[in-house]
């Protein structure tokens, strides 16, 4: 952000269809991005689009050391921060 305003953007409008076992993604509109301060490779864009957020299930929990770090404000959300690392077996 520059002076409280967004400096540059990159976005697309996408529709998803799940008629078969795999989802079909179709980009409806993608104007040229105006990003100037960072660069994103195709792999970066695929990661943002396809990588799931970190989820720790009760089945997986015993495999990790989880330590409470504190609280952090993220935009208007008050969040909890944890340090998560695999246990050394």
N, C-alpha and C. Protein backbone atom coordinates (compact mmCIF):
# COMPACT_ATOMS: atom_id res chain seq x y z
N UNK A 1 0.84 -1.18 0.00
CA UNK A 1 0.00 0.00 0.00
C UNK A 1 0.88 1.24 0.00
N UNK A 2 0.41 2.23 -0.68
CA UNK A 2 1.12 3.49 -0.75
C UNK A 2 0.19 4.58 -0.26
N UNK A 3 0.50 5.20 0.85
CA UNK A 3 -0.34 6.27 1.37
C UNK A 3 -1.77 5.82 1.64
N UNK A 4 -1.95 4.54 2.07
CA UNK A 4 -3.28 4.04 2.37
C UNK A 4 -4.04 3.55 1.16
N UNK A 5 -3.43 3.61 -0.02
CA UNK A 5 -4.09 3.14 -1.25
C UNK A 5 -3.34 1.95 -1.81
N UNK A 6 -4.03 1.07 -2.47
CA UNK A 6 -3.40 -0.06 -3.12
C UNK A 6 -2.56 0.43 -4.27
N UNK A 7 -1.29 -0.01 -4.34
CA UNK A 7 -0.40 0.46 -5.38
C UNK A 7 -0.60 -0.31 -6.68
N UNK A 8 -0.70 -1.63 -6.60
CA UNK A 8 -0.81 -2.45 -7.79
C UNK A 8 -1.71 -3.64 -7.50
N UNK A 9 -2.25 -4.26 -8.54
CA UNK A 9 -3.15 -5.39 -8.34
C UNK A 9 -2.93 -6.47 -9.39
N UNK A 10 -3.37 -7.65 -9.04
CA UNK A 10 -3.46 -8.77 -9.98
C UNK A 10 -4.66 -9.57 -9.54
N UNK A 11 -5.58 -9.87 -10.47
CA UNK A 11 -6.78 -10.62 -10.10
C UNK A 11 -7.37 -11.28 -11.32
N UNK A 12 -8.28 -12.20 -11.07
CA UNK A 12 -9.02 -12.83 -12.16
C UNK A 12 -10.36 -13.30 -11.63
N UNK A 13 -11.32 -13.37 -12.51
CA UNK A 13 -12.65 -13.91 -12.18
C UNK A 13 -12.68 -15.34 -12.73
N UNK A 14 -12.96 -16.29 -11.87
CA UNK A 14 -12.88 -17.70 -12.24
C UNK A 14 -14.17 -18.41 -11.85
N UNK A 15 -14.58 -19.36 -12.68
CA UNK A 15 -15.73 -20.20 -12.32
C UNK A 15 -15.24 -21.64 -12.18
N UNK A 16 -15.89 -22.39 -11.31
CA UNK A 16 -15.53 -23.77 -11.08
C UNK A 16 -16.73 -24.66 -11.35
N UNK A 17 -16.46 -25.82 -11.89
CA UNK A 17 -17.50 -26.81 -12.15
C UNK A 17 -17.00 -28.15 -11.64
N UNK A 18 -17.87 -28.90 -10.98
CA UNK A 18 -17.48 -30.21 -10.47
C UNK A 18 -18.47 -31.25 -10.99
N UNK A 19 -18.47 -31.41 -12.28
CA UNK A 19 -19.37 -32.40 -12.90
C UNK A 19 -18.79 -33.80 -12.83
N UNK A 20 -17.47 -33.89 -12.75
CA UNK A 20 -16.81 -35.19 -12.67
C UNK A 20 -16.03 -35.24 -11.36
N UNK A 21 -15.22 -36.26 -11.19
CA UNK A 21 -14.43 -36.39 -9.97
C UNK A 21 -13.43 -35.26 -9.80
N UNK A 22 -12.97 -34.68 -10.91
CA UNK A 22 -12.03 -33.57 -10.82
C UNK A 22 -12.73 -32.27 -11.19
N UNK A 23 -12.32 -31.20 -10.55
CA UNK A 23 -12.93 -29.89 -10.79
C UNK A 23 -12.40 -29.30 -12.09
N UNK A 24 -13.24 -28.54 -12.75
CA UNK A 24 -12.87 -27.84 -13.97
C UNK A 24 -12.86 -26.35 -13.65
N UNK A 25 -11.74 -25.72 -13.90
CA UNK A 25 -11.60 -24.29 -13.63
C UNK A 25 -11.57 -23.55 -14.96
N UNK A 26 -12.35 -22.48 -15.05
CA UNK A 26 -12.38 -21.69 -16.28
C UNK A 26 -12.25 -20.22 -15.91
N UNK A 27 -11.20 -19.59 -16.40
CA UNK A 27 -10.99 -18.17 -16.15
C UNK A 27 -11.93 -17.39 -17.05
N UNK A 28 -12.80 -16.59 -16.42
CA UNK A 28 -13.78 -15.79 -17.17
C UNK A 28 -13.20 -14.45 -17.61
N UNK A 29 -12.34 -13.87 -16.77
CA UNK A 29 -11.80 -12.56 -17.07
C UNK A 29 -10.51 -12.39 -16.28
N UNK A 30 -9.44 -11.94 -16.93
CA UNK A 30 -8.16 -11.71 -16.25
C UNK A 30 -7.45 -10.53 -16.91
N UNK A 31 -7.69 -9.33 -16.40
CA UNK A 31 -7.01 -8.17 -16.98
C UNK A 31 -5.52 -8.25 -16.71
N UNK A 32 -4.72 -7.54 -17.49
CA UNK A 32 -3.27 -7.54 -17.22
C UNK A 32 -3.01 -7.04 -15.80
N UNK A 33 -2.09 -7.72 -15.10
CA UNK A 33 -1.80 -7.27 -13.75
C UNK A 33 -0.94 -6.02 -13.80
N UNK A 34 -0.95 -5.28 -12.72
CA UNK A 34 -0.15 -4.06 -12.63
C UNK A 34 0.92 -4.17 -11.55
N UNK A 35 1.25 -5.40 -11.17
CA UNK A 35 2.26 -5.60 -10.14
C UNK A 35 3.61 -5.10 -10.61
N UNK A 36 4.26 -4.30 -9.79
CA UNK A 36 5.56 -3.76 -10.16
C UNK A 36 6.61 -4.03 -9.08
N UNK A 37 6.19 -4.17 -7.85
CA UNK A 37 7.14 -4.32 -6.75
C UNK A 37 7.49 -5.77 -6.44
N UNK A 38 6.69 -6.70 -6.95
CA UNK A 38 6.97 -8.11 -6.77
C UNK A 38 6.76 -8.81 -8.10
N UNK A 39 7.33 -9.98 -8.21
CA UNK A 39 7.06 -10.78 -9.39
C UNK A 39 6.59 -12.16 -8.94
N UNK A 40 5.65 -12.72 -9.66
CA UNK A 40 5.10 -14.02 -9.34
C UNK A 40 5.30 -14.94 -10.54
N UNK A 41 5.94 -16.08 -10.29
CA UNK A 41 6.11 -17.06 -11.35
C UNK A 41 4.81 -17.85 -11.51
N UNK A 42 4.72 -18.65 -12.55
CA UNK A 42 3.54 -19.49 -12.73
C UNK A 42 3.39 -20.46 -11.56
N UNK A 43 4.53 -20.96 -11.03
CA UNK A 43 4.47 -21.85 -9.87
C UNK A 43 3.92 -21.12 -8.65
N UNK A 44 4.32 -19.86 -8.43
CA UNK A 44 3.78 -19.06 -7.34
C UNK A 44 2.26 -18.93 -7.47
N UNK A 45 1.80 -18.60 -8.68
CA UNK A 45 0.36 -18.45 -8.92
C UNK A 45 -0.38 -19.76 -8.69
N UNK A 46 0.21 -20.87 -9.14
CA UNK A 46 -0.40 -22.18 -8.91
C UNK A 46 -0.49 -22.50 -7.42
N UNK A 47 0.56 -22.14 -6.67
CA UNK A 47 0.54 -22.37 -5.22
C UNK A 47 -0.56 -21.57 -4.54
N UNK A 48 -0.69 -20.30 -4.91
CA UNK A 48 -1.74 -19.46 -4.32
C UNK A 48 -3.11 -20.03 -4.65
N UNK A 49 -3.27 -20.51 -5.86
CA UNK A 49 -4.57 -20.99 -6.32
C UNK A 49 -4.88 -22.39 -5.78
N UNK A 50 -3.88 -23.27 -5.68
CA UNK A 50 -4.15 -24.68 -5.44
C UNK A 50 -3.73 -25.24 -4.08
N UNK A 51 -2.78 -24.63 -3.41
CA UNK A 51 -2.30 -25.17 -2.15
C UNK A 51 -3.33 -24.88 -1.07
N UNK A 52 -3.69 -25.91 -0.35
CA UNK A 52 -4.68 -25.77 0.71
C UNK A 52 -4.04 -25.12 1.93
N UNK A 53 -4.82 -24.39 2.71
CA UNK A 53 -4.27 -23.83 3.93
C UNK A 53 -3.83 -24.94 4.87
N UNK A 54 -2.92 -24.60 5.75
CA UNK A 54 -2.40 -25.59 6.70
C UNK A 54 -3.53 -26.05 7.62
N UNK A 55 -3.80 -27.34 7.59
CA UNK A 55 -4.85 -27.92 8.43
C UNK A 55 -4.22 -29.03 9.26
N UNK A 56 -4.43 -28.99 10.56
CA UNK A 56 -3.90 -30.01 11.45
C UNK A 56 -5.08 -30.75 12.07
N UNK A 57 -5.27 -31.98 11.65
CA UNK A 57 -6.40 -32.78 12.15
C UNK A 57 -6.02 -33.47 13.45
N UNK A 58 -7.02 -33.95 14.16
CA UNK A 58 -6.76 -34.66 15.42
C UNK A 58 -5.94 -35.93 15.18
N UNK A 59 -6.04 -36.51 14.00
CA UNK A 59 -5.24 -37.69 13.66
C UNK A 59 -3.77 -37.32 13.51
N UNK A 60 -3.50 -36.16 12.92
CA UNK A 60 -2.13 -35.71 12.67
C UNK A 60 -1.49 -35.02 13.88
N UNK A 61 -2.29 -34.49 14.78
CA UNK A 61 -1.79 -33.69 15.91
C UNK A 61 -0.69 -34.37 16.72
N UNK A 62 -0.78 -35.65 17.05
CA UNK A 62 0.29 -36.28 17.86
C UNK A 62 1.66 -36.29 17.18
N UNK A 63 1.73 -36.03 15.91
CA UNK A 63 3.00 -36.03 15.18
C UNK A 63 3.74 -34.69 15.29
N UNK A 64 3.13 -33.68 15.94
CA UNK A 64 3.68 -32.33 15.98
C UNK A 64 3.79 -31.80 17.40
N UNK A 65 4.79 -30.94 17.61
CA UNK A 65 4.89 -30.14 18.83
C UNK A 65 4.19 -28.83 18.53
N UNK A 66 3.20 -28.48 19.33
CA UNK A 66 2.44 -27.25 19.12
C UNK A 66 2.63 -26.37 20.35
N UNK A 67 3.15 -25.15 20.13
CA UNK A 67 3.42 -24.21 21.21
C UNK A 67 2.66 -22.92 20.95
N UNK A 68 1.92 -22.47 21.96
CA UNK A 68 1.20 -21.19 21.85
C UNK A 68 2.21 -20.06 21.90
N UNK A 69 2.17 -19.17 20.91
CA UNK A 69 3.11 -18.05 20.83
C UNK A 69 2.47 -16.78 21.37
N UNK A 70 1.21 -16.53 21.03
CA UNK A 70 0.54 -15.32 21.48
C UNK A 70 -0.63 -14.97 20.58
N UNK A 71 -1.03 -13.72 20.66
CA UNK A 71 -2.13 -13.23 19.83
C UNK A 71 -1.59 -12.23 18.83
N UNK A 72 -2.28 -12.13 17.69
CA UNK A 72 -1.87 -11.18 16.65
C UNK A 72 -3.11 -10.63 15.97
N UNK A 73 -3.11 -9.34 15.74
CA UNK A 73 -4.19 -8.70 15.01
C UNK A 73 -3.92 -8.79 13.53
N UNK A 74 -4.86 -9.35 12.75
CA UNK A 74 -4.74 -9.44 11.31
C UNK A 74 -5.97 -8.74 10.73
N UNK A 75 -5.74 -7.55 10.19
CA UNK A 75 -6.84 -6.69 9.75
C UNK A 75 -7.80 -6.51 10.92
N UNK A 76 -9.07 -6.88 10.76
CA UNK A 76 -10.02 -6.69 11.86
C UNK A 76 -10.16 -7.94 12.73
N UNK A 77 -9.36 -8.96 12.46
CA UNK A 77 -9.46 -10.22 13.19
C UNK A 77 -8.41 -10.31 14.29
N UNK A 78 -8.82 -10.78 15.44
CA UNK A 78 -7.89 -11.08 16.51
C UNK A 78 -7.61 -12.58 16.43
N UNK A 79 -6.35 -12.94 16.16
CA UNK A 79 -6.01 -14.33 15.92
C UNK A 79 -5.03 -14.86 16.97
N UNK A 80 -4.92 -16.18 17.05
CA UNK A 80 -3.96 -16.84 17.91
C UNK A 80 -2.81 -17.35 17.05
N UNK A 81 -1.59 -17.29 17.58
CA UNK A 81 -0.41 -17.72 16.84
C UNK A 81 0.21 -18.92 17.56
N UNK A 82 0.50 -19.95 16.80
CA UNK A 82 1.12 -21.15 17.34
C UNK A 82 2.37 -21.48 16.53
N UNK A 83 3.37 -22.03 17.20
CA UNK A 83 4.54 -22.57 16.54
C UNK A 83 4.30 -24.06 16.40
N UNK A 84 4.35 -24.57 15.17
CA UNK A 84 4.08 -25.98 14.90
C UNK A 84 5.30 -26.58 14.23
N UNK A 85 5.82 -27.65 14.82
CA UNK A 85 7.00 -28.32 14.25
C UNK A 85 6.83 -29.83 14.39
N UNK A 86 7.33 -30.58 13.42
CA UNK A 86 7.23 -32.04 13.53
C UNK A 86 8.02 -32.56 14.73
N UNK A 87 7.50 -33.56 15.38
CA UNK A 87 8.23 -34.19 16.49
C UNK A 87 9.38 -35.00 15.93
N UNK A 88 10.48 -35.00 16.65
CA UNK A 88 11.64 -35.81 16.26
C UNK A 88 11.48 -37.19 16.89
N UNK A 89 11.16 -38.17 16.07
CA UNK A 89 10.96 -39.52 16.59
C UNK A 89 12.23 -40.32 16.56
